[in-house]
Amino acid sequence: MKEGASVILVPVDFEEASLKAIELAKDLGARLGHEVVLLHVYQLPVYTYPGIEPALMPGFHSEVSAAASRAVQQLSAQTGGLQTLLREGDPATEILAAAEEQRTALIVMGTHGRRGLSHLFLGSVAEQVIRKSSIPVLTVRSAPSTG
């Protein structure tokens, strides 16, 4: 753990596992005297086709950014006014960067617990964060897995 670390970072995607992670982080934060910070990372879809430069529709970036900001602010209000961060880019990369920038003691994040082909094709942001983080990571599943 970093010396003087005082933040529990909770990456959120607004699904059940994230909500469980927030509740656990709030409990841990209260016990340890750490601030809980919500982080939402969004990615803009970019389409590329041969002979056409990759581009977004005009105004699309600001609309997506504004919608993401509203969503994370609403979640903050619903969970007791927690501090929020909003970043754009690859989720795992941005989570790790935010954790380093903040005085992060612990990352608490939800995981969908996918297995097999869905895990292979969809990957796992939580797994990437766990593998690359120098900060302890606690994962929370949305529901018990079967099989």
N, C-alpha and C. Protein backbone atom coordinates (compact mmCIF):
# COMPACT_ATOMS: atom_id res chain seq x y z
N MET A 1 0.85 -1.17 0.00
CA MET A 1 0.00 0.00 0.00
C MET A 1 0.90 1.23 0.00
N LYS A 2 0.49 2.26 -0.73
CA LYS A 2 1.24 3.51 -0.79
C LYS A 2 1.19 4.22 0.55
N GLU A 3 2.30 4.85 0.91
CA GLU A 3 2.32 5.61 2.15
C GLU A 3 1.38 6.82 2.01
N GLY A 4 0.55 7.04 3.01
CA GLY A 4 -0.35 8.17 2.99
C GLY A 4 -1.57 7.99 2.10
N ALA A 5 -1.77 6.78 1.57
CA ALA A 5 -2.92 6.55 0.69
C ALA A 5 -4.20 6.72 1.49
N SER A 6 -5.17 7.43 0.89
CA SER A 6 -6.40 7.69 1.63
C SER A 6 -7.65 7.56 0.78
N VAL A 7 -7.54 6.98 -0.41
CA VAL A 7 -8.69 6.87 -1.32
C VAL A 7 -8.96 5.41 -1.65
N ILE A 8 -10.24 5.08 -1.68
CA ILE A 8 -10.68 3.81 -2.25
C ILE A 8 -11.34 4.17 -3.57
N LEU A 9 -10.77 3.70 -4.66
CA LEU A 9 -11.27 4.00 -5.99
C LEU A 9 -12.23 2.91 -6.43
N VAL A 10 -13.41 3.33 -6.90
CA VAL A 10 -14.42 2.36 -7.34
C VAL A 10 -14.79 2.66 -8.80
N PRO A 11 -14.21 1.89 -9.74
CA PRO A 11 -14.62 2.03 -11.14
C PRO A 11 -16.04 1.52 -11.29
N VAL A 12 -16.88 2.29 -12.00
CA VAL A 12 -18.29 1.90 -12.13
C VAL A 12 -18.74 1.85 -13.59
N ASP A 13 -19.61 0.87 -13.86
CA ASP A 13 -20.23 0.77 -15.18
C ASP A 13 -21.76 0.77 -15.06
N PHE A 14 -22.26 1.10 -13.87
CA PHE A 14 -23.69 1.26 -13.58
C PHE A 14 -24.45 -0.07 -13.52
N GLU A 15 -23.76 -1.18 -13.51
CA GLU A 15 -24.42 -2.48 -13.41
C GLU A 15 -24.40 -2.96 -11.97
N GLU A 16 -25.08 -4.07 -11.72
CA GLU A 16 -25.26 -4.58 -10.35
C GLU A 16 -23.94 -4.77 -9.61
N ALA A 17 -22.94 -5.32 -10.27
CA ALA A 17 -21.66 -5.56 -9.61
C ALA A 17 -21.03 -4.26 -9.15
N SER A 18 -21.15 -3.20 -9.94
CA SER A 18 -20.62 -1.89 -9.55
C SER A 18 -21.33 -1.36 -8.31
N LEU A 19 -22.64 -1.54 -8.28
CA LEU A 19 -23.41 -1.05 -7.13
C LEU A 19 -23.01 -1.78 -5.86
N LYS A 20 -22.76 -3.09 -5.97
CA LYS A 20 -22.29 -3.86 -4.82
C LYS A 20 -20.90 -3.40 -4.40
N ALA A 21 -20.06 -3.10 -5.38
CA ALA A 21 -18.70 -2.63 -5.08
C ALA A 21 -18.74 -1.30 -4.34
N ILE A 22 -19.66 -0.41 -4.74
CA ILE A 22 -19.78 0.89 -4.07
C ILE A 22 -20.15 0.69 -2.60
N GLU A 23 -21.13 -0.17 -2.34
CA GLU A 23 -21.56 -0.39 -0.95
C GLU A 23 -20.43 -0.96 -0.11
N LEU A 24 -19.69 -1.92 -0.66
CA LEU A 24 -18.56 -2.50 0.07
C LEU A 24 -17.48 -1.44 0.31
N ALA A 25 -17.19 -0.64 -0.71
CA ALA A 25 -16.17 0.41 -0.58
C ALA A 25 -16.58 1.44 0.47
N LYS A 26 -17.85 1.80 0.49
CA LYS A 26 -18.32 2.77 1.49
C LYS A 26 -18.13 2.21 2.90
N ASP A 27 -18.43 0.94 3.10
CA ASP A 27 -18.26 0.30 4.40
C ASP A 27 -16.77 0.28 4.78
N LEU A 28 -15.93 -0.14 3.85
CA LEU A 28 -14.48 -0.16 4.11
C LEU A 28 -13.94 1.24 4.36
N GLY A 29 -14.40 2.20 3.56
CA GLY A 29 -13.95 3.58 3.73
C GLY A 29 -14.29 4.13 5.10
N ALA A 30 -15.50 3.83 5.56
CA ALA A 30 -15.93 4.30 6.88
C ALA A 30 -15.06 3.67 7.98
N ARG A 31 -14.75 2.39 7.83
CA ARG A 31 -13.95 1.69 8.84
C ARG A 31 -12.49 2.13 8.84
N LEU A 32 -11.96 2.43 7.65
CA LEU A 32 -10.54 2.74 7.51
C LEU A 32 -10.24 4.24 7.47
N GLY A 33 -11.29 5.06 7.39
CA GLY A 33 -11.10 6.50 7.30
C GLY A 33 -10.62 6.95 5.93
N HIS A 34 -11.00 6.21 4.88
CA HIS A 34 -10.62 6.54 3.51
C HIS A 34 -11.81 7.15 2.76
N GLU A 35 -11.51 8.05 1.87
CA GLU A 35 -12.52 8.63 1.00
C GLU A 35 -12.82 7.65 -0.14
N VAL A 36 -14.08 7.53 -0.52
CA VAL A 36 -14.48 6.68 -1.65
C VAL A 36 -14.70 7.58 -2.86
N VAL A 37 -14.05 7.24 -3.96
CA VAL A 37 -14.15 8.01 -5.20
C VAL A 37 -14.65 7.10 -6.30
N LEU A 38 -15.74 7.52 -6.96
CA LEU A 38 -16.28 6.77 -8.08
C LEU A 38 -15.58 7.20 -9.36
N LEU A 39 -15.25 6.24 -10.21
CA LEU A 39 -14.62 6.51 -11.50
C LEU A 39 -15.42 5.84 -12.59
N HIS A 40 -15.81 6.62 -13.59
CA HIS A 40 -16.45 6.03 -14.77
C HIS A 40 -15.57 6.34 -15.98
N VAL A 41 -15.28 5.30 -16.75
CA VAL A 41 -14.50 5.45 -17.97
C VAL A 41 -15.40 5.09 -19.14
N TYR A 42 -15.48 5.98 -20.11
CA TYR A 42 -16.29 5.69 -21.30
C TYR A 42 -15.40 5.68 -22.53
N GLN A 43 -15.85 4.94 -23.52
CA GLN A 43 -15.14 4.86 -24.79
C GLN A 43 -16.07 5.31 -25.90
N LEU A 44 -15.53 6.09 -26.82
CA LEU A 44 -16.30 6.50 -27.98
C LEU A 44 -16.10 5.48 -29.10
N PRO A 45 -17.19 5.04 -29.69
CA PRO A 45 -17.03 4.11 -30.81
C PRO A 45 -16.51 4.85 -32.04
N VAL A 46 -15.50 4.31 -32.65
CA VAL A 46 -14.95 4.89 -33.87
C VAL A 46 -15.01 3.81 -34.95
N TYR A 47 -15.61 4.16 -36.06
CA TYR A 47 -15.75 3.21 -37.15
C TYR A 47 -14.75 3.55 -38.24
N THR A 48 -14.09 2.53 -38.74
CA THR A 48 -13.15 2.75 -39.83
C THR A 48 -13.50 1.83 -40.98
N TYR A 49 -13.40 2.36 -42.16
CA TYR A 49 -13.63 1.60 -43.38
C TYR A 49 -12.52 1.95 -44.36
N PRO A 50 -12.18 1.03 -45.24
CA PRO A 50 -11.12 1.33 -46.21
C PRO A 50 -11.44 2.60 -47.00
N GLY A 51 -10.46 3.49 -47.09
CA GLY A 51 -10.60 4.71 -47.87
C GLY A 51 -11.27 5.86 -47.15
N ILE A 52 -11.70 5.64 -45.89
CA ILE A 52 -12.36 6.70 -45.12
C ILE A 52 -11.59 6.90 -43.83
N GLU A 53 -11.27 8.15 -43.53
CA GLU A 53 -10.58 8.47 -42.29
C GLU A 53 -11.51 8.18 -41.10
N PRO A 54 -10.99 7.59 -40.03
CA PRO A 54 -11.83 7.37 -38.85
C PRO A 54 -12.35 8.72 -38.34
N ALA A 55 -13.62 8.79 -38.06
CA ALA A 55 -14.19 10.05 -37.60
C ALA A 55 -15.46 9.78 -36.79
N LEU A 56 -15.85 10.79 -36.07
CA LEU A 56 -17.10 10.76 -35.31
C LEU A 56 -18.04 11.80 -35.89
N MET A 57 -19.32 11.59 -35.66
CA MET A 57 -20.29 12.59 -36.10
C MET A 57 -20.05 13.88 -35.31
N PRO A 58 -20.21 15.03 -35.93
CA PRO A 58 -20.02 16.30 -35.21
C PRO A 58 -20.94 16.36 -33.98
N GLY A 59 -20.38 16.76 -32.86
CA GLY A 59 -21.16 16.89 -31.63
C GLY A 59 -21.30 15.61 -30.84
N PHE A 60 -20.95 14.47 -31.43
CA PHE A 60 -21.13 13.19 -30.77
C PHE A 60 -20.29 13.09 -29.50
N HIS A 61 -19.04 13.53 -29.58
CA HIS A 61 -18.15 13.45 -28.42
C HIS A 61 -18.72 14.21 -27.23
N SER A 62 -19.17 15.44 -27.46
CA SER A 62 -19.69 16.24 -26.35
C SER A 62 -20.99 15.66 -25.80
N GLU A 63 -21.82 15.06 -26.66
CA GLU A 63 -23.06 14.44 -26.19
C GLU A 63 -22.77 13.24 -25.31
N VAL A 64 -21.85 12.39 -25.73
CA VAL A 64 -21.50 11.20 -24.95
C VAL A 64 -20.86 11.62 -23.63
N SER A 65 -19.96 12.57 -23.67
CA SER A 65 -19.30 13.05 -22.46
C SER A 65 -20.32 13.63 -21.48
N ALA A 66 -21.25 14.42 -21.98
CA ALA A 66 -22.28 15.02 -21.11
C ALA A 66 -23.18 13.94 -20.51
N ALA A 67 -23.56 12.95 -21.30
CA ALA A 67 -24.41 11.86 -20.81
C ALA A 67 -23.67 11.05 -19.74
N ALA A 68 -22.40 10.76 -19.98
CA ALA A 68 -21.60 10.01 -19.00
C ALA A 68 -21.46 10.81 -17.70
N SER A 69 -21.23 12.10 -17.82
CA SER A 69 -21.11 12.96 -16.66
C SER A 69 -22.41 12.99 -15.85
N ARG A 70 -23.54 13.13 -16.54
CA ARG A 70 -24.84 13.12 -15.85
C ARG A 70 -25.06 11.80 -15.12
N ALA A 71 -24.73 10.69 -15.77
CA ALA A 71 -24.95 9.37 -15.18
C ALA A 71 -24.11 9.17 -13.93
N VAL A 72 -22.84 9.55 -13.98
CA VAL A 72 -21.98 9.35 -12.81
C VAL A 72 -22.36 10.31 -11.69
N GLN A 73 -22.79 11.52 -12.02
CA GLN A 73 -23.25 12.46 -10.99
C GLN A 73 -24.54 11.96 -10.32
N GLN A 74 -25.43 11.39 -11.11
CA GLN A 74 -26.67 10.83 -10.56
C GLN A 74 -26.34 9.66 -9.62
N LEU A 75 -25.42 8.80 -10.03
CA LEU A 75 -25.01 7.69 -9.18
C LEU A 75 -24.39 8.21 -7.89
N SER A 76 -23.59 9.24 -7.98
CA SER A 76 -23.00 9.85 -6.80
C SER A 76 -24.09 10.34 -5.84
N ALA A 77 -25.08 11.01 -6.38
CA ALA A 77 -26.18 11.52 -5.55
C ALA A 77 -26.93 10.37 -4.87
N GLN A 78 -27.12 9.27 -5.60
CA GLN A 78 -27.85 8.12 -5.06
C GLN A 78 -27.06 7.37 -3.99
N THR A 79 -25.74 7.54 -4.00
CA THR A 79 -24.90 6.79 -3.07
C THR A 79 -24.29 7.68 -1.98
N GLY A 80 -24.86 8.83 -1.78
CA GLY A 80 -24.44 9.67 -0.67
C GLY A 80 -23.51 10.81 -1.01
N GLY A 81 -23.45 11.20 -2.27
CA GLY A 81 -22.63 12.35 -2.66
C GLY A 81 -21.15 12.07 -2.75
N LEU A 82 -20.78 10.87 -3.16
CA LEU A 82 -19.37 10.52 -3.29
C LEU A 82 -18.71 11.35 -4.39
N GLN A 83 -17.41 11.60 -4.23
CA GLN A 83 -16.64 12.30 -5.26
C GLN A 83 -16.59 11.43 -6.51
N THR A 84 -16.55 12.09 -7.69
CA THR A 84 -16.53 11.34 -8.94
C THR A 84 -15.38 11.80 -9.84
N LEU A 85 -14.96 10.86 -10.69
CA LEU A 85 -14.00 11.15 -11.75
C LEU A 85 -14.59 10.58 -13.03
N LEU A 86 -14.36 11.27 -14.13
CA LEU A 86 -14.85 10.82 -15.43
C LEU A 86 -13.67 10.87 -16.39
N ARG A 87 -13.44 9.75 -17.08
CA ARG A 87 -12.33 9.68 -18.02
C ARG A 87 -12.79 9.00 -19.30
N GLU A 88 -12.09 9.33 -20.37
CA GLU A 88 -12.37 8.72 -21.67
C GLU A 88 -11.16 7.89 -22.07
N GLY A 89 -11.45 6.69 -22.62
CA GLY A 89 -10.35 5.85 -23.12
C GLY A 89 -10.57 4.40 -22.80
N ASP A 90 -9.49 3.64 -22.87
CA ASP A 90 -9.54 2.22 -22.55
C ASP A 90 -9.78 2.08 -21.05
N PRO A 91 -10.83 1.34 -20.65
CA PRO A 91 -11.17 1.28 -19.23
C PRO A 91 -10.03 0.84 -18.32
N ALA A 92 -9.36 -0.27 -18.62
CA ALA A 92 -8.31 -0.76 -17.73
C ALA A 92 -7.17 0.25 -17.63
N THR A 93 -6.76 0.80 -18.75
CA THR A 93 -5.67 1.78 -18.77
C THR A 93 -6.02 3.01 -17.94
N GLU A 94 -7.24 3.51 -18.11
CA GLU A 94 -7.67 4.72 -17.40
C GLU A 94 -7.88 4.46 -15.91
N ILE A 95 -8.35 3.28 -15.55
CA ILE A 95 -8.51 2.93 -14.13
C ILE A 95 -7.14 2.92 -13.45
N LEU A 96 -6.18 2.29 -14.09
CA LEU A 96 -4.83 2.23 -13.51
C LEU A 96 -4.20 3.62 -13.41
N ALA A 97 -4.40 4.45 -14.44
CA ALA A 97 -3.85 5.81 -14.42
C ALA A 97 -4.50 6.63 -13.31
N ALA A 98 -5.81 6.54 -13.18
CA ALA A 98 -6.52 7.30 -12.13
C ALA A 98 -6.08 6.84 -10.74
N ALA A 99 -5.88 5.54 -10.59
CA ALA A 99 -5.44 5.00 -9.29
C ALA A 99 -4.07 5.55 -8.91
N GLU A 100 -3.20 5.68 -9.88
CA GLU A 100 -1.87 6.23 -9.61
C GLU A 100 -1.94 7.72 -9.30
N GLU A 101 -2.81 8.44 -9.99
CA GLU A 101 -2.93 9.89 -9.79
C GLU A 101 -3.56 10.24 -8.44
N GLN A 102 -4.53 9.45 -8.03
CA GLN A 102 -5.17 9.66 -6.73
C GLN A 102 -4.27 9.03 -5.67
N ARG A 103 -4.51 9.31 -4.45
CA ARG A 103 -3.76 8.64 -3.38
C ARG A 103 -4.52 7.37 -3.03
N THR A 104 -4.49 6.41 -3.94
CA THR A 104 -5.35 5.23 -3.84
C THR A 104 -4.72 4.14 -2.98
N ALA A 105 -5.47 3.71 -1.99
CA ALA A 105 -5.05 2.61 -1.12
C ALA A 105 -5.57 1.28 -1.65
N LEU A 106 -6.74 1.32 -2.31
CA LEU A 106 -7.43 0.11 -2.73
C LEU A 106 -8.35 0.43 -3.89
N ILE A 107 -8.42 -0.48 -4.85
CA ILE A 107 -9.39 -0.40 -5.94
C ILE A 107 -10.44 -1.46 -5.64
N VAL A 108 -11.71 -1.07 -5.59
CA VAL A 108 -12.81 -2.01 -5.39
C VAL A 108 -13.66 -1.95 -6.63
N MET A 109 -13.77 -3.08 -7.33
CA MET A 109 -14.52 -3.04 -8.59
C MET A 109 -15.36 -4.28 -8.78
N GLY A 110 -16.46 -4.07 -9.48
CA GLY A 110 -17.35 -5.17 -9.80
C GLY A 110 -16.80 -5.97 -10.96
N THR A 111 -17.19 -7.23 -11.00
CA THR A 111 -16.84 -8.08 -12.12
C THR A 111 -18.06 -8.91 -12.48
N HIS A 112 -18.19 -9.19 -13.76
CA HIS A 112 -19.35 -9.94 -14.24
C HIS A 112 -19.16 -11.43 -14.08
N GLY A 113 -17.94 -11.87 -13.85
CA GLY A 113 -17.68 -13.29 -13.65
C GLY A 113 -17.92 -14.14 -14.88
N ARG A 114 -17.67 -13.58 -16.05
CA ARG A 114 -17.86 -14.35 -17.28
C ARG A 114 -16.84 -15.47 -17.35
N ARG A 115 -17.24 -16.55 -18.03
CA ARG A 115 -16.33 -17.68 -18.22
C ARG A 115 -16.36 -18.10 -19.68
N GLY A 116 -15.46 -18.97 -20.00
CA GLY A 116 -15.47 -19.60 -21.32
C GLY A 116 -15.33 -18.62 -22.46
N LEU A 117 -16.12 -18.86 -23.53
CA LEU A 117 -16.01 -18.06 -24.74
C LEU A 117 -16.37 -16.60 -24.53
N SER A 118 -17.37 -16.32 -23.69
CA SER A 118 -17.74 -14.91 -23.48
C SER A 118 -16.58 -14.16 -22.84
N HIS A 119 -15.85 -14.81 -21.93
CA HIS A 119 -14.69 -14.16 -21.31
C HIS A 119 -13.58 -13.99 -22.34
N LEU A 120 -13.38 -15.01 -23.16
CA LEU A 120 -12.33 -14.96 -24.17
C LEU A 120 -12.56 -13.81 -25.15
N PHE A 121 -13.80 -13.67 -25.62
CA PHE A 121 -14.10 -12.64 -26.61
C PHE A 121 -14.29 -11.26 -26.00
N LEU A 122 -14.91 -11.18 -24.84
CA LEU A 122 -15.20 -9.88 -24.23
C LEU A 122 -14.05 -9.39 -23.35
N GLY A 123 -13.20 -10.32 -22.91
CA GLY A 123 -12.11 -9.92 -22.03
C GLY A 123 -12.65 -9.52 -20.68
N SER A 124 -11.78 -9.07 -19.83
CA SER A 124 -12.20 -8.67 -18.50
C SER A 124 -11.39 -7.46 -18.07
N VAL A 125 -12.07 -6.35 -17.91
CA VAL A 125 -11.40 -5.15 -17.42
C VAL A 125 -10.83 -5.43 -16.04
N ALA A 126 -11.61 -6.10 -15.19
CA ALA A 126 -11.14 -6.40 -13.84
C ALA A 126 -9.87 -7.24 -13.89
N GLU A 127 -9.83 -8.22 -14.76
CA GLU A 127 -8.64 -9.07 -14.86
C GLU A 127 -7.42 -8.27 -15.29
N GLN A 128 -7.60 -7.38 -16.27
CA GLN A 128 -6.48 -6.54 -16.71
C GLN A 128 -5.98 -5.64 -15.58
N VAL A 129 -6.91 -5.07 -14.83
CA VAL A 129 -6.53 -4.20 -13.71
C VAL A 129 -5.78 -5.01 -12.65
N ILE A 130 -6.30 -6.18 -12.31
CA ILE A 130 -5.66 -7.03 -11.30
C ILE A 130 -4.23 -7.36 -11.72
N ARG A 131 -4.06 -7.74 -12.97
CA ARG A 131 -2.74 -8.17 -13.45
C ARG A 131 -1.72 -7.02 -13.48
N LYS A 132 -2.18 -5.81 -13.77
CA LYS A 132 -1.25 -4.69 -13.97
C LYS A 132 -1.13 -3.73 -12.79
N SER A 133 -2.00 -3.83 -11.82
CA SER A 133 -2.02 -2.86 -10.73
C SER A 133 -0.96 -3.13 -9.67
N SER A 134 -0.32 -2.06 -9.22
CA SER A 134 0.59 -2.16 -8.07
C SER A 134 -0.18 -1.88 -6.78
N ILE A 135 -1.47 -1.55 -6.92
CA ILE A 135 -2.35 -1.24 -5.80
C ILE A 135 -3.27 -2.44 -5.58
N PRO A 136 -3.56 -2.82 -4.35
CA PRO A 136 -4.46 -3.95 -4.13
C PRO A 136 -5.82 -3.73 -4.81
N VAL A 137 -6.37 -4.81 -5.37
CA VAL A 137 -7.66 -4.77 -6.06
C VAL A 137 -8.58 -5.80 -5.42
N LEU A 138 -9.76 -5.35 -5.04
CA LEU A 138 -10.79 -6.24 -4.47
C LEU A 138 -11.92 -6.29 -5.48
N THR A 139 -12.31 -7.49 -5.92
CA THR A 139 -13.39 -7.60 -6.88
C THR A 139 -14.66 -8.12 -6.21
N VAL A 140 -15.79 -7.68 -6.76
CA VAL A 140 -17.10 -8.04 -6.25
C VAL A 140 -17.91 -8.57 -7.41
N ARG A 141 -18.46 -9.76 -7.27
CA ARG A 141 -19.29 -10.35 -8.32
C ARG A 141 -20.73 -9.90 -8.18
N SER A 142 -21.41 -9.79 -9.33
CA SER A 142 -22.81 -9.36 -9.31
C SER A 142 -23.72 -10.46 -8.79
N ALA A 143 -23.41 -11.70 -9.11
CA ALA A 143 -24.24 -12.83 -8.68
C ALA A 143 -23.36 -14.06 -8.62
N PRO A 144 -23.73 -15.02 -7.78
CA PRO A 144 -22.94 -16.23 -7.74
C PRO A 144 -22.92 -16.90 -9.11
N SER A 145 -21.74 -17.39 -9.50
CA SER A 145 -21.66 -18.06 -10.80
C SER A 145 -22.15 -19.48 -10.66
N THR A 146 -22.66 -20.00 -11.75
CA THR A 146 -23.13 -21.39 -11.75
C THR A 146 -22.24 -22.20 -12.66
N GLY A 147 -22.06 -23.43 -12.32
CA GLY A 147 -21.31 -24.36 -13.16
C GLY A 147 -19.91 -24.33 -12.93
